[in-house]
Amino acid sequence: MLERAGADGLLVFPPNSWALAHADDCVIAHHRHIRDATTVPLMLYAAPVGAGAMAYASSLLEQLVADPRFVAIKEGSWEVATYEQNLRLIRKLRAEFVVLGSGDEHLLTSYLVGSAGSQVSLACVVPELVVSLWNAAEAGDWEQARAAHEKLYPLAVAIYRDAPGGRATVRLKACLKLLGRLSCDAARPPQPPATSNELRALEQALRIAGAR
């Protein structure tokens, strides 16, 4: 359906139930079913290391990368050492494979280690700042890249890291409403709306990012 609607490519996520446990054969079959039902280029997803078994082991990632229909990965391990480990493995297997960093809090580190870009939800809030970080990194201007990172980091923490967990979508929508880009920031139950403490933290982080 997505392909018929005009999608140029598809990102294949693992089911949330895999966080508990799964068989490797199940993972391979999941990706092959999607591969065989489509013709567009496909992207893998590397889940956060804190997401249990959703994060693929190196041996499994190697099998997935070997399929030529998959041409890129949203590298969301959210942990620098694992990011670099996966990057090195993938480059060894297929040098042309596109690795996109997805750890909003450590984009600068991803760009230093190596990345073809990034796919991050933070870009929906401050796209110009994310792009400026990438452009500076591409130009090797690490002083400018660090300056952009300093503006981005507090916002990434306020959205993704601050307790309680699992609130990123609510906080992203709250940011978009604060910036006047969204008329309603309501989240689907059971998620409650952003609290006053969350809104204050987001407001402050948006000011540091230069978005307010």
C-alpha atoms as a PDB file:
ATOM      1  CA  MET A   1       0.000   0.000   0.000  1.00  0.00           C
ATOM      2  CA  LEU A   2       2.808   2.398   0.827  1.00  0.00           C
ATOM      3  CA  GLU A   3       4.570   1.619  -2.414  1.00  0.00           C
ATOM      4  CA  ARG A   4       1.405   2.189  -4.432  1.00  0.00           C
ATOM      5  CA  ALA A   5       0.951   5.495  -2.616  1.00  0.00           C
ATOM      6  CA  GLY A   6       4.304   6.633  -4.009  1.00  0.00           C
ATOM      7  CA  ALA A   7       6.888   5.706  -1.381  1.00  0.00           C
ATOM      8  CA  ASP A   8      10.405   5.680  -2.830  1.00  0.00           C
ATOM      9  CA  GLY A   9      11.644   3.322  -0.134  1.00  0.00           C
ATOM     10  CA  LEU A  10      10.503   1.562   3.016  1.00  0.00           C
ATOM     11  CA  LEU A  11      11.918   1.330   6.536  1.00  0.00           C
ATOM     12  CA  VAL A  12      11.357  -2.089   8.119  1.00  0.00           C
ATOM     13  CA  PHE A  13      10.836  -1.957  11.877  1.00  0.00           C
ATOM     14  CA  PRO A  14      10.859  -5.004  14.168  1.00  0.00           C
ATOM     15  CA  PRO A  15       7.615  -5.746  16.029  1.00  0.00           C
ATOM     16  CA  ASN A  16       7.642  -4.452  19.609  1.00  0.00           C
ATOM     17  CA  SER A  17       6.996  -7.976  20.880  1.00  0.00           C
ATOM     18  CA  TRP A  18      10.534  -8.910  19.874  1.00  0.00           C
ATOM     19  CA  ALA A  19      11.831  -6.959  22.867  1.00  0.00           C
ATOM     20  CA  LEU A  20      11.027 -10.023  24.983  1.00  0.00           C
ATOM     21  CA  ALA A  21      12.488 -12.721  22.733  1.00  0.00           C
ATOM     22  CA  HIS A  22      12.494 -13.989  19.175  1.00  0.00           C
ATOM     23  CA  ALA A  23      14.121 -16.582  16.964  1.00  0.00           C
ATOM     24  CA  ASP A  24      16.600 -15.380  14.359  1.00  0.00           C
ATOM     25  CA  ASP A  25      14.678 -17.285  11.694  1.00  0.00           C
ATOM     26  CA  CYS A  26      11.622 -15.224  12.586  1.00  0.00           C
ATOM     27  CA  VAL A  27      13.558 -11.991  12.007  1.00  0.00           C
ATOM     28  CA  ILE A  28      14.830 -13.176   8.638  1.00  0.00           C
ATOM     29  CA  ALA A  29      11.344 -14.295   7.599  1.00  0.00           C
ATOM     30  CA  HIS A  30       9.846 -10.949   8.654  1.00  0.00           C
ATOM     31  CA  HIS A  31      12.219  -9.053   6.380  1.00  0.00           C
ATOM     32  CA  ARG A  32      11.871 -11.510   3.520  1.00  0.00           C
ATOM     33  CA  HIS A  33       8.066 -11.284   3.563  1.00  0.00           C
ATOM     34  CA  ILE A  34       8.321  -7.506   3.176  1.00  0.00           C
ATOM     35  CA  ARG A  35      11.060  -7.821   0.579  1.00  0.00           C
ATOM     36  CA  ASP A  36       9.042 -10.238  -1.533  1.00  0.00           C
ATOM     37  CA  ALA A  37       5.900  -8.074  -1.368  1.00  0.00           C
ATOM     38  CA  THR A  38       7.658  -4.907  -2.561  1.00  0.00           C
ATOM     39  CA  THR A  39      10.032  -3.620  -5.221  1.00  0.00           C
ATOM     40  CA  VAL A  40      11.385  -0.374  -3.721  1.00  0.00           C
ATOM     41  CA  PRO A  41      14.695  -0.124  -1.816  1.00  0.00           C
ATOM     42  CA  LEU A  42      14.458  -1.191   1.816  1.00  0.00           C
ATOM     43  CA  MET A  43      16.049   0.109   5.003  1.00  0.00           C
ATOM     44  CA  LEU A  44      16.854  -1.853   8.148  1.00  0.00           C
ATOM     45  CA  TYR A  45      16.378  -0.562  11.669  1.00  0.00           C
ATOM     46  CA  ALA A  46      18.865  -1.085  14.492  1.00  0.00           C
ATOM     47  CA  ALA A  47      16.867  -0.725  17.705  1.00  0.00           C
ATOM     48  CA  PRO A  48      18.263   0.823  20.914  1.00  0.00           C
ATOM     49  CA  VAL A  49      20.406  -1.474  23.011  1.00  0.00           C
ATOM     50  CA  GLY A  50      17.933  -0.841  25.843  1.00  0.00           C
ATOM     51  CA  ALA A  51      15.112  -2.360  23.794  1.00  0.00           C
ATOM     52  CA  GLY A  52      16.009  -5.914  24.682  1.00  0.00           C
ATOM     53  CA  ALA A  53      16.074  -8.497  21.894  1.00  0.00           C
ATOM     54  CA  MET A  54      14.812  -5.937  19.372  1.00  0.00           C
ATOM     55  CA  ALA A  55      18.463  -4.902  19.021  1.00  0.00           C
ATOM     56  CA  TYR A  56      19.942  -7.349  16.518  1.00  0.00           C
ATOM     57  CA  ALA A  57      23.110  -9.237  17.418  1.00  0.00           C
ATOM     58  CA  SER A  58      26.039  -8.869  15.004  1.00  0.00           C
ATOM     59  CA  SER A  59      25.517 -12.323  13.506  1.00  0.00           C
ATOM     60  CA  LEU A  60      21.894 -11.521  12.709  1.00  0.00           C
ATOM     61  CA  LEU A  61      22.665  -8.048  11.390  1.00  0.00           C
ATOM     62  CA  GLU A  62      25.228  -9.634   9.076  1.00  0.00           C
ATOM     63  CA  GLN A  63      22.553 -11.882   7.551  1.00  0.00           C
ATOM     64  CA  LEU A  64      20.173  -8.972   7.046  1.00  0.00           C
ATOM     65  CA  VAL A  65      22.796  -6.751   5.422  1.00  0.00           C
ATOM     66  CA  ALA A  66      23.689  -9.559   2.997  1.00  0.00           C
ATOM     67  CA  ASP A  67      20.299  -9.213   1.282  1.00  0.00           C
ATOM     68  CA  PRO A  68      20.865  -6.856  -1.698  1.00  0.00           C
ATOM     69  CA  ARG A  69      17.342  -5.429  -1.488  1.00  0.00           C
ATOM     70  CA  PHE A  70      18.343  -3.725   1.758  1.00  0.00           C
ATOM     71  CA  VAL A  71      20.482  -0.701   1.011  1.00  0.00           C
ATOM     72  CA  ALA A  72      20.530   1.332   4.233  1.00  0.00           C
ATOM     73  CA  ILE A  73      20.031   1.223   7.989  1.00  0.00           C
ATOM     74  CA  LYS A  74      18.544   3.621  10.521  1.00  0.00           C
ATOM     75  CA  GLU A  75      21.182   3.038  13.187  1.00  0.00           C
ATOM     76  CA  GLY A  76      19.277   3.677  16.386  1.00  0.00           C
ATOM     77  CA  SER A  77      21.384   1.696  18.860  1.00  0.00           C
ATOM     78  CA  TRP A  78      21.519   4.890  20.938  1.00  0.00           C
ATOM     79  CA  GLU A  79      24.867   3.830  22.333  1.00  0.00           C
ATOM     80  CA  VAL A  80      28.098   5.033  20.794  1.00  0.00           C
ATOM     81  CA  ALA A  81      30.128   1.821  21.103  1.00  0.00           C
ATOM     82  CA  THR A  82      27.405  -0.287  19.486  1.00  0.00           C
ATOM     83  CA  TYR A  83      26.913   2.315  16.774  1.00  0.00           C
ATOM     84  CA  GLU A  84      30.573   2.117  15.828  1.00  0.00           C
ATOM     85  CA  GLN A  85      30.590  -1.682  16.067  1.00  0.00           C
ATOM     86  CA  ASN A  86      27.648  -1.940  13.675  1.00  0.00           C
ATOM     87  CA  LEU A  87      29.089   0.692  11.351  1.00  0.00           C
ATOM     88  CA  ARG A  88      32.405  -1.149  11.060  1.00  0.00           C
ATOM     89  CA  LEU A  89      30.663  -4.490  10.479  1.00  0.00           C
ATOM     90  CA  ILE A  90      28.413  -3.091   7.764  1.00  0.00           C
ATOM     91  CA  ARG A  91      31.231  -1.265   5.981  1.00  0.00           C
ATOM     92  CA  LYS A  92      33.254  -4.472   5.967  1.00  0.00           C
ATOM     93  CA  LEU A  93      30.355  -6.401   4.435  1.00  0.00           C
ATOM     94  CA  ARG A  94      29.084  -3.781   1.976  1.00  0.00           C
ATOM     95  CA  ALA A  95      30.996  -0.533   1.574  1.00  0.00           C
ATOM     96  CA  GLU A  96      28.115   1.096  -0.311  1.00  0.00           C
ATOM     97  CA  PHE A  97      25.544   0.365   2.402  1.00  0.00           C
ATOM     98  CA  VAL A  98      24.131   3.636   3.778  1.00  0.00           C
ATOM     99  CA  VAL A  99      24.369   4.060   7.564  1.00  0.00           C
ATOM    100  CA  LEU A 100      22.191   6.852   8.978  1.00  0.00           C
ATOM    101  CA  GLY A 101      22.762   7.787  12.615  1.00  0.00           C
ATOM    102  CA  SER A 102      19.576   7.903  14.684  1.00  0.00           C
ATOM    103  CA  GLY A 103      20.812   8.718  18.181  1.00  0.00           C
ATOM    104  CA  ASP A 104      19.512  12.273  18.621  1.00  0.00           C
ATOM    105  CA  GLU A 105      21.743  12.861  21.656  1.00  0.00           C
ATOM    106  CA  HIS A 106      24.969  11.777  19.975  1.00  0.00           C
ATOM    107  CA  LEU A 107      24.713  12.945  16.372  1.00  0.00           C
ATOM    108  CA  LEU A 108      28.036  14.762  16.692  1.00  0.00           C
ATOM    109  CA  THR A 109      29.736  11.566  17.822  1.00  0.00           C
ATOM    110  CA  SER A 110      28.110   9.612  14.984  1.00  0.00           C
ATOM    111  CA  TYR A 111      29.399  12.136  12.456  1.00  0.00           C
ATOM    112  CA  LEU A 112      32.891  11.937  13.954  1.00  0.00           C
ATOM    113  CA  VAL A 113      32.911   8.138  13.802  1.00  0.00           C
ATOM    114  CA  GLY A 114      31.316   8.086  10.353  1.00  0.00           C
ATOM    115  CA  SER A 115      27.834   8.457   8.962  1.00  0.00           C
ATOM    116  CA  ALA A 116      26.065   9.097   5.659  1.00  0.00           C
ATOM    117  CA  GLY A 117      23.639  11.414   7.427  1.00  0.00           C
ATOM    118  CA  SER A 118      20.923  10.931   9.986  1.00  0.00           C
ATOM    119  CA  GLN A 119      17.267  10.050  10.338  1.00  0.00           C
ATOM    120  CA  VAL A 120      16.058  11.643  13.547  1.00  0.00           C
ATOM    121  CA  SER A 121      12.726  12.893  14.851  1.00  0.00           C
ATOM    122  CA  LEU A 122      14.543  15.876  16.383  1.00  0.00           C
ATOM    123  CA  ALA A 123      14.773  17.252  12.845  1.00  0.00           C
ATOM    124  CA  CYS A 124      11.021  17.879  12.812  1.00  0.00           C
ATOM    125  CA  VAL A 125      11.513  20.428  15.612  1.00  0.00           C
ATOM    126  CA  VAL A 126      14.787  22.172  14.668  1.00  0.00           C
ATOM    127  CA  PRO A 127      15.586  21.050  11.100  1.00  0.00           C
ATOM    128  CA  GLU A 128      17.892  23.988  10.347  1.00  0.00           C
ATOM    129  CA  LEU A 129      20.026  23.263  13.412  1.00  0.00           C
ATOM    130  CA  VAL A 130      20.319  19.555  12.583  1.00  0.00           C
ATOM    131  CA  VAL A 131      21.297  20.436   9.018  1.00  0.00           C
ATOM    132  CA  SER A 132      23.851  22.980  10.234  1.00  0.00           C
ATOM    133  CA  LEU A 133      25.463  20.293  12.402  1.00  0.00           C
ATOM    134  CA  TRP A 134      25.661  17.941   9.427  1.00  0.00           C
ATOM    135  CA  ASN A 135      27.034  20.615   7.080  1.00  0.00           C
ATOM    136  CA  ALA A 136      29.722  21.590   9.577  1.00  0.00           C
ATOM    137  CA  ALA A 137      30.712  17.955  10.110  1.00  0.00           C
ATOM    138  CA  GLU A 138      30.849  17.347   6.347  1.00  0.00           C
ATOM    139  CA  ALA A 139      33.106  20.382   5.967  1.00  0.00           C
ATOM    140  CA  GLY A 140      35.357  19.193   8.799  1.00  0.00           C
ATOM    141  CA  ASP A 141      34.553  22.338  10.778  1.00  0.00           C
ATOM    142  CA  TRP A 142      34.390  20.641  14.150  1.00  0.00           C
ATOM    143  CA  GLU A 143      34.347  23.898  16.088  1.00  0.00           C
ATOM    144  CA  GLN A 144      31.135  24.909  14.323  1.00  0.00           C
ATOM    145  CA  ALA A 145      29.780  21.376  14.653  1.00  0.00           C
ATOM    146  CA  ARG A 146      30.422  21.452  18.400  1.00  0.00           C
ATOM    147  CA  ALA A 147      28.625  24.796  18.650  1.00  0.00           C
ATOM    148  CA  ALA A 148      25.570  23.309  16.922  1.00  0.00           C
ATOM    149  CA  HIS A 149      25.761  20.264  19.184  1.00  0.00           C
ATOM    150  CA  GLU A 150      25.757  22.477  22.284  1.00  0.00           C
ATOM    151  CA  LYS A 151      22.478  24.006  21.109  1.00  0.00           C
ATOM    152  CA  LEU A 152      20.944  20.644  20.206  1.00  0.00           C
ATOM    153  CA  TYR A 153      21.972  18.603  23.211  1.00  0.00           C
ATOM    154  CA  PRO A 154      19.688  20.140  25.894  1.00  0.00           C
ATOM    155  CA  LEU A 155      16.682  19.723  23.594  1.00  0.00           C
ATOM    156  CA  ALA A 156      17.567  16.092  22.853  1.00  0.00           C
ATOM    157  CA  VAL A 157      17.853  15.403  26.589  1.00  0.00           C
ATOM    158  CA  ALA A 158      14.552  17.124  27.384  1.00  0.00           C
ATOM    159  CA  ILE A 159      12.747  15.140  24.697  1.00  0.00           C
ATOM    160  CA  TYR A 160      14.342  11.701  24.867  1.00  0.00           C
ATOM    161  CA  ARG A 161      16.294  11.148  28.070  1.00  0.00           C
ATOM    162  CA  ASP A 162      14.624  12.909  30.964  1.00  0.00           C
ATOM    163  CA  ALA A 163      12.480  10.620  33.118  1.00  0.00           C
ATOM    164  CA  PRO A 164       9.927   9.200  32.768  1.00  0.00           C
ATOM    165  CA  GLY A 165      10.788   7.209  29.663  1.00  0.00           C
ATOM    166  CA  GLY A 166       8.578   6.633  26.663  1.00  0.00           C
ATOM    167  CA  ARG A 167       7.541  10.280  26.422  1.00  0.00           C
ATOM    168  CA  ALA A 168       9.374  11.349  23.269  1.00  0.00           C
ATOM    169  CA  THR A 169       6.304  11.505  21.018  1.00  0.00           C
ATOM    170  CA  VAL A 170       4.352  13.570  23.545  1.00  0.00           C
ATOM    171  CA  ARG A 171       7.276  15.953  23.982  1.00  0.00           C
ATOM    172  CA  LEU A 172       7.910  16.275  20.249  1.00  0.00           C
ATOM    173  CA  LYS A 173       4.273  17.204  19.697  1.00  0.00           C
ATOM    174  CA  ALA A 174       4.441  19.663  22.598  1.00  0.00           C
ATOM    175  CA  CYS A 175       7.475  21.311  20.975  1.00  0.00           C
ATOM    176  CA  LEU A 176       5.668  21.646  17.670  1.00  0.00           C
ATOM    177  CA  LYS A 177       2.712  23.264  19.403  1.00  0.00           C
ATOM    178  CA  LEU A 178       4.972  25.637  21.340  1.00  0.00           C
ATOM    179  CA  LEU A 179       6.522  26.639  18.019  1.00  0.00           C
ATOM    180  CA  GLY A 180       3.110  27.202  16.449  1.00  0.00           C
ATOM    181  CA  ARG A 181       3.446  24.391  13.933  1.00  0.00           C
ATOM    182  CA  LEU A 182       0.790  22.168  15.482  1.00  0.00           C
ATOM    183  CA  SER A 183      -2.609  23.293  16.715  1.00  0.00           C
ATOM    184  CA  CYS A 184      -3.167  20.290  18.983  1.00  0.00           C
ATOM    185  CA  ASP A 185      -0.543  18.245  20.827  1.00  0.00           C
ATOM    186  CA  ALA A 186      -2.907  15.622  22.217  1.00  0.00           C
ATOM    187  CA  ALA A 187      -1.487  12.096  22.393  1.00  0.00           C
ATOM    188  CA  ARG A 188      -3.401   8.877  22.065  1.00  0.00           C
ATOM    189  CA  PRO A 189      -4.307   7.342  25.457  1.00  0.00           C
ATOM    190  CA  PRO A 190      -2.901   6.074  27.734  1.00  0.00           C
ATOM    191  CA  GLN A 191      -0.218   8.758  27.271  1.00  0.00           C
ATOM    192  CA  PRO A 192      -1.146  11.881  29.268  1.00  0.00           C
ATOM    193  CA  PRO A 193      -0.339  15.321  27.864  1.00  0.00           C
ATOM    194  CA  ALA A 194       2.938  17.078  28.592  1.00  0.00           C
ATOM    195  CA  THR A 195       3.175  18.162  32.221  1.00  0.00           C
ATOM    196  CA  SER A 196       3.997  21.686  33.352  1.00  0.00           C
ATOM    197  CA  ASN A 197       7.512  20.530  34.291  1.00  0.00           C
ATOM    198  CA  GLU A 198       8.011  18.988  30.855  1.00  0.00           C
ATOM    199  CA  LEU A 199       6.762  22.125  29.121  1.00  0.00           C
ATOM    200  CA  ARG A 200       9.117  24.329  31.140  1.00  0.00           C
ATOM    201  CA  ALA A 201      12.084  22.090  30.278  1.00  0.00           C
ATOM    202  CA  LEU A 202      11.132  22.051  26.596  1.00  0.00           C
ATOM    203  CA  GLU A 203      10.644  25.833  26.520  1.00  0.00           C
ATOM    204  CA  GLN A 204      14.101  26.377  28.009  1.00  0.00           C
ATOM    205  CA  ALA A 205      15.729  23.874  25.640  1.00  0.00           C
ATOM    206  CA  LEU A 206      14.037  25.466  22.617  1.00  0.00           C
ATOM    207  CA  ARG A 207      15.432  28.855  23.654  1.00  0.00           C
ATOM    208  CA  ILE A 208      18.946  27.404  23.913  1.00  0.00           C
ATOM    209  CA  ALA A 209      18.454  25.886  20.457  1.00  0.00           C
ATOM    210  CA  GLY A 210      17.493  29.322  19.136  1.00  0.00           C
ATOM    211  CA  ALA A 211      14.021  28.189  18.134  1.00  0.00           C
ATOM    212  CA  ARG A 212      12.139  30.530  20.508  1.00  0.00           C
END
